[in-house]
Amino acid sequence: MKVSEFISPEDEKEIIEAIKEAELNTSGEIRVHIEHECTGDRFDHALEIFEKLEMHKTELSNGVLIYVSIDDHQLVILGDKGINDVVPKGFWESTKDEIINQFKKNNYKQGLVNGILEAGKQLKQHFPFQSDDTNELDNEISKG
């Protein structure tokens, strides 16, 4: 499956809008990366993407990457150090569940939208939106 078959340009616009909406709840920064296959360990690879996208350069170290590998059905939600230092174990489970439940029904766009909005709600607990908050990372979907 091509990335363009996984999400259409219209789907992509809706996913980006979900990122903008989620980031109104939190000072956290959310990015999505989609590619065909994951070479090697999925967590190590997601970390490479995280660094390549310079997500570790946020002021509060509160970037979140939602990594999807289409062909091998891999999903990783990776939070930066600022998040991981304060959130409880299993923090991303509800976000992962939102995504997987829709992916199982081939509702890829809705899975990402639901997951992004859930991530925003979860992040709000530890990183609420600040009046002087700026968008530190691009909201566009990264593709590999």
Protein backbone atom coordinates (compact mmCIF):
# COMPACT_ATOMS: atom_id res chain seq x y z
CA MET A 1 0.00 0.00 0.00
CA LYS A 2 1.31 3.44 -0.92
CA VAL A 3 1.28 6.25 1.65
CA SER A 4 -1.16 8.05 -0.69
CA GLU A 5 -3.49 5.03 -0.43
CA PHE A 6 -3.11 4.93 3.34
CA ILE A 7 -4.17 8.58 3.64
CA SER A 8 -5.45 10.80 0.86
CA PRO A 9 -4.57 14.51 0.54
CA GLU A 10 -7.99 15.31 2.04
CA ASP A 11 -7.30 12.92 4.94
CA GLU A 12 -3.93 14.58 5.43
CA LYS A 13 -5.60 18.00 5.81
CA GLU A 14 -7.95 16.59 8.47
CA ILE A 15 -5.04 15.00 10.34
CA ILE A 16 -3.14 18.30 10.32
CA GLU A 17 -6.26 20.07 11.63
CA ALA A 18 -6.44 17.47 14.43
CA ILE A 19 -2.82 18.28 15.34
CA LYS A 20 -3.65 22.00 15.49
CA GLU A 21 -6.74 21.28 17.62
CA ALA A 22 -4.84 18.95 19.98
CA GLU A 23 -2.08 21.52 20.41
CA LEU A 24 -4.67 24.06 21.62
CA ASN A 25 -4.90 21.90 24.77
CA THR A 26 -1.20 21.52 25.40
CA SER A 27 2.20 23.11 25.04
CA GLY A 28 3.29 19.68 23.76
CA GLU A 29 4.18 19.31 20.09
CA ILE A 30 2.72 16.41 18.07
CA ARG A 31 4.08 15.07 14.77
CA VAL A 32 3.05 12.12 12.60
CA HIS A 33 5.49 10.13 10.46
CA ILE A 34 4.26 7.49 7.99
CA GLU A 35 6.41 5.15 5.94
CA HIS A 36 6.20 1.76 4.26
CA GLU A 37 8.42 -0.43 6.31
CA CYS A 38 10.47 -0.29 9.44
CA THR A 39 14.00 -1.57 9.18
CA GLY A 40 15.30 -2.95 12.45
CA ASP A 41 13.78 -2.32 15.86
CA ARG A 42 10.69 -0.10 15.59
CA PHE A 43 11.50 1.91 18.73
CA ASP A 44 15.08 2.55 17.64
CA HIS A 45 13.87 3.55 14.19
CA ALA A 46 11.17 5.86 15.61
CA LEU A 47 13.87 7.48 17.74
CA GLU A 48 15.97 8.06 14.59
CA ILE A 49 12.98 9.73 12.92
CA PHE A 50 12.33 11.78 16.08
CA GLU A 51 15.89 13.11 15.96
CA LYS A 52 15.86 13.60 12.16
CA LEU A 53 12.72 15.76 12.54
CA GLU A 54 14.55 17.67 15.32
CA MET A 55 11.70 16.99 17.72
CA HIS A 56 14.15 17.00 20.64
CA LYS A 57 14.65 20.75 20.16
CA THR A 58 11.47 21.93 21.89
CA GLU A 59 11.93 24.22 24.88
CA LEU A 60 10.21 21.86 27.35
CA SER A 61 11.36 18.62 25.66
CA ASN A 62 7.70 17.79 25.11
CA GLY A 63 7.53 16.60 21.53
CA VAL A 64 5.52 13.49 20.64
CA LEU A 65 5.99 11.38 17.53
CA ILE A 66 3.27 9.07 16.25
CA TYR A 67 5.20 6.69 14.00
CA VAL A 68 3.36 4.37 11.59
CA SER A 69 4.93 1.73 9.36
CA ILE A 70 2.23 0.63 6.93
CA ASP A 71 3.54 -2.64 5.48
CA ASP A 72 4.67 -4.21 8.73
CA HIS A 73 1.83 -2.84 10.86
CA GLN A 74 4.06 -1.04 13.34
CA LEU A 75 2.99 1.81 15.59
CA VAL A 76 5.16 3.69 18.06
CA ILE A 77 4.20 6.68 20.16
CA LEU A 78 7.39 8.30 21.33
CA GLY A 79 7.52 11.14 23.84
CA ASP A 80 10.57 13.29 24.51
CA LYS A 81 12.45 13.33 27.82
CA GLY A 82 10.36 16.14 29.33
CA ILE A 83 7.24 14.01 28.92
CA ASN A 84 8.74 10.68 29.90
CA ASP A 85 10.16 12.17 33.11
CA VAL A 86 6.70 13.10 34.44
CA VAL A 87 4.11 10.71 33.00
CA PRO A 88 3.16 7.35 34.52
CA LYS A 89 3.96 4.00 32.92
CA GLY A 90 1.37 3.16 30.28
CA PHE A 91 0.64 6.85 29.63
CA TRP A 92 0.26 6.35 25.87
CA GLU A 93 -2.00 3.26 26.06
CA SER A 94 -5.27 5.17 25.54
CA THR A 95 -3.77 7.00 22.56
CA LYS A 96 -2.47 3.75 21.08
CA ASP A 97 -5.85 2.07 21.63
CA GLU A 98 -7.68 4.89 19.81
CA ILE A 99 -5.41 4.46 16.80
CA ILE A 100 -5.36 0.66 16.70
CA ASN A 101 -9.15 0.31 17.11
CA GLN A 102 -9.70 2.36 13.96
CA PHE A 103 -6.77 0.86 12.03
CA LYS A 104 -8.28 -2.61 12.53
CA LYS A 105 -11.36 -1.32 10.65
CA ASN A 106 -9.15 0.19 7.91
CA ASN A 107 -10.13 3.68 9.14
CA TYR A 108 -6.59 5.02 9.01
CA LYS A 109 -7.38 8.73 8.94
CA GLN A 110 -9.85 8.41 11.80
CA GLY A 111 -7.39 6.36 13.80
CA LEU A 112 -4.76 9.07 13.51
CA VAL A 113 -7.26 11.87 14.20
CA ASN A 114 -8.60 10.08 17.30
CA GLY A 115 -5.11 9.26 18.52
CA ILE A 116 -3.86 12.82 18.04
CA LEU A 117 -6.84 14.30 19.90
CA GLU A 118 -6.38 11.77 22.70
CA ALA A 119 -2.67 12.62 22.90
CA GLY A 120 -3.58 16.29 23.27
CA LYS A 121 -5.98 15.49 26.12
CA GLN A 122 -3.41 13.31 27.86
CA LEU A 123 -0.64 15.88 27.47
CA LYS A 124 -2.85 18.64 28.87
CA GLN A 125 -2.57 17.03 32.32
CA HIS A 126 1.19 17.62 32.45
CA PHE A 127 1.79 20.26 29.78
CA PRO A 128 -1.23 22.59 29.63
CA PHE A 129 -1.41 25.18 26.88
CA GLN A 130 0.25 28.46 27.88
CA SER A 131 -0.91 31.86 26.63
CA ASP A 132 2.57 32.56 25.27
CA ASP A 133 2.86 29.12 23.64
CA THR A 134 4.30 29.04 20.14
CA ASN A 135 4.12 26.24 17.59
CA GLU A 136 7.69 24.94 17.77
CA LEU A 137 7.36 22.08 15.28
CA ASP A 138 5.83 21.78 11.83
CA ASN A 139 2.36 20.19 11.83
CA GLU A 140 2.82 18.61 8.39
CA ILE A 141 2.88 14.83 8.15
CA SER A 142 6.38 13.49 7.58
CA LYS A 143 6.68 10.64 5.09
CA GLY A 144 9.45 8.16 4.56
